[in-house]
C-alpha atoms as a PDB file:
ATOM      1  CA  MET A   1       8.410   8.738   2.155  1.00  0.00           C
ATOM      2  CA  GLU A   2      10.931   6.074   1.426  1.00  0.00           C
ATOM      3  CA  ASN A   3      13.416   4.358   3.684  1.00  0.00           C
ATOM      4  CA  ASN A   4      15.440   1.155   3.465  1.00  0.00           C
ATOM      5  CA  ASN A   5      12.365  -0.943   4.261  1.00  0.00           C
ATOM      6  CA  GLU A   6       9.881   0.574   1.819  1.00  0.00           C
ATOM      7  CA  MET A   7       9.538   1.871  -1.712  1.00  0.00           C
ATOM      8  CA  GLU A   8       6.454   3.639  -3.031  1.00  0.00           C
ATOM      9  CA  LEU A   9       5.262   2.115  -6.308  1.00  0.00           C
ATOM     10  CA  GLY A  10       2.261   4.305  -7.065  1.00  0.00           C
ATOM     11  CA  ARG A  11      -0.758   6.331  -5.905  1.00  0.00           C
ATOM     12  CA  ILE A  12      -4.406   6.532  -6.880  1.00  0.00           C
ATOM     13  CA  LYS A  13      -6.457   9.552  -5.768  1.00  0.00           C
ATOM     14  CA  LYS A  14      -9.527   8.369  -3.852  1.00  0.00           C
ATOM     15  CA  SER A  15     -10.789  11.804  -2.729  1.00  0.00           C
ATOM     16  CA  GLU A  16      -9.539  15.311  -2.014  1.00  0.00           C
ATOM     17  CA  THR A  17      -8.018  14.121   1.267  1.00  0.00           C
ATOM     18  CA  THR A  18      -7.237  10.449   0.606  1.00  0.00           C
ATOM     19  CA  ASP A  19      -4.882   8.550  -1.711  1.00  0.00           C
ATOM     20  CA  ILE A  20      -4.532   4.801  -2.134  1.00  0.00           C
ATOM     21  CA  VAL A  21      -0.785   4.161  -1.914  1.00  0.00           C
ATOM     22  CA  ILE A  22       0.934   0.993  -3.132  1.00  0.00           C
ATOM     23  CA  ARG A  23       4.318   0.289  -1.514  1.00  0.00           C
ATOM     24  CA  LYS A  24       6.811  -2.539  -1.439  1.00  0.00           C
ATOM     25  CA  THR A  25       7.702  -3.033   2.232  1.00  0.00           C
ATOM     26  CA  ILE A  26       9.785  -5.243   4.481  1.00  0.00           C
ATOM     27  CA  TYR A  27       8.140  -6.052   7.812  1.00  0.00           C
ATOM     28  CA  LYS A  28       9.514  -8.571  10.286  1.00  0.00           C
ATOM     29  CA  GLY A  29      11.942  -9.741   7.620  1.00  0.00           C
ATOM     30  CA  GLU A  30       9.280 -10.503   4.998  1.00  0.00           C
ATOM     31  CA  THR A  31       8.808  -8.505   1.806  1.00  0.00           C
ATOM     32  CA  GLY A  32       5.274  -7.624   0.813  1.00  0.00           C
ATOM     33  CA  ILE A  33       3.080  -5.242  -1.115  1.00  0.00           C
ATOM     34  CA  ASP A  34       1.166  -2.806   1.092  1.00  0.00           C
ATOM     35  CA  ILE A  35      -1.985  -1.186  -0.341  1.00  0.00           C
ATOM     36  CA  ARG A  36      -3.173   1.432   2.132  1.00  0.00           C
ATOM     37  CA  GLU A  37      -4.991   4.752   2.442  1.00  0.00           C
ATOM     38  CA  TYR A  38      -2.944   7.882   3.141  1.00  0.00           C
ATOM     39  CA  ILE A  39      -4.959  10.792   4.535  1.00  0.00           C
ATOM     40  CA  LYS A  40      -4.095  14.501   4.409  1.00  0.00           C
ATOM     41  CA  SER A  41      -6.497  16.736   6.311  1.00  0.00           C
ATOM     42  CA  GLU A  42      -6.499  19.507   8.896  1.00  0.00           C
ATOM     43  CA  ARG A  43      -7.228  16.995  11.674  1.00  0.00           C
ATOM     44  CA  TYR A  44      -4.885  14.169  10.647  1.00  0.00           C
ATOM     45  CA  THR A  45      -2.137  13.435   8.152  1.00  0.00           C
ATOM     46  CA  GLY A  46      -0.793   9.908   7.872  1.00  0.00           C
ATOM     47  CA  TRP A  47      -1.572   6.268   7.198  1.00  0.00           C
ATOM     48  CA  SER A  48      -5.035   4.887   7.770  1.00  0.00           C
ATOM     49  CA  LYS A  49      -5.658   1.444   9.219  1.00  0.00           C
ATOM     50  CA  ASN A  50      -7.640   0.763   6.028  1.00  0.00           C
ATOM     51  CA  GLY A  51      -5.578  -1.398   3.750  1.00  0.00           C
ATOM     52  CA  VAL A  52      -4.026  -4.755   3.120  1.00  0.00           C
ATOM     53  CA  ARG A  53      -0.554  -6.285   3.014  1.00  0.00           C
ATOM     54  CA  ILE A  54       0.161  -9.124   0.611  1.00  0.00           C
ATOM     55  CA  LEU A  55       3.362 -11.094   1.078  1.00  0.00           C
ATOM     56  CA  LEU A  56       5.538 -11.157  -2.013  1.00  0.00           C
ATOM     57  CA  LYS A  57       5.348 -14.965  -2.058  1.00  0.00           C
ATOM     58  CA  ASP A  58       1.537 -14.652  -2.424  1.00  0.00           C
ATOM     59  CA  TRP A  59       1.687 -11.904  -5.071  1.00  0.00           C
ATOM     60  CA  PRO A  60       1.360 -14.249  -8.119  1.00  0.00           C
ATOM     61  CA  ASP A  61      -1.912 -15.657  -6.716  1.00  0.00           C
ATOM     62  CA  PHE A  62      -3.201 -12.158  -5.941  1.00  0.00           C
ATOM     63  CA  LYS A  63      -2.228 -10.913  -9.409  1.00  0.00           C
ATOM     64  CA  LYS A  64      -4.017 -13.861 -11.034  1.00  0.00           C
ATOM     65  CA  ILE A  65      -7.211 -12.900  -9.179  1.00  0.00           C
ATOM     66  CA  VAL A  66      -6.918  -9.225 -10.170  1.00  0.00           C
ATOM     67  CA  ASP A  67      -6.157 -10.135 -13.786  1.00  0.00           C
ATOM     68  CA  SER A  68      -9.396 -12.153 -13.949  1.00  0.00           C
ATOM     69  CA  VAL A  69     -11.483  -8.990 -13.391  1.00  0.00           C
END
């Protein structure tokens, strides 16, 4: 699922029906990293509202926090 405004970087399986997907995206002219749930089930297939978008300019601060874990 890639287009000119997004590039999938990786996936982590959360459950049988849900993956955590990390994508580099461009939204309203700003590049960011989107970490969001993608659901595949009989009732619904697509992006969940559950997730977060971190602007690329804020990524070093976010990475520093994650690295401290």
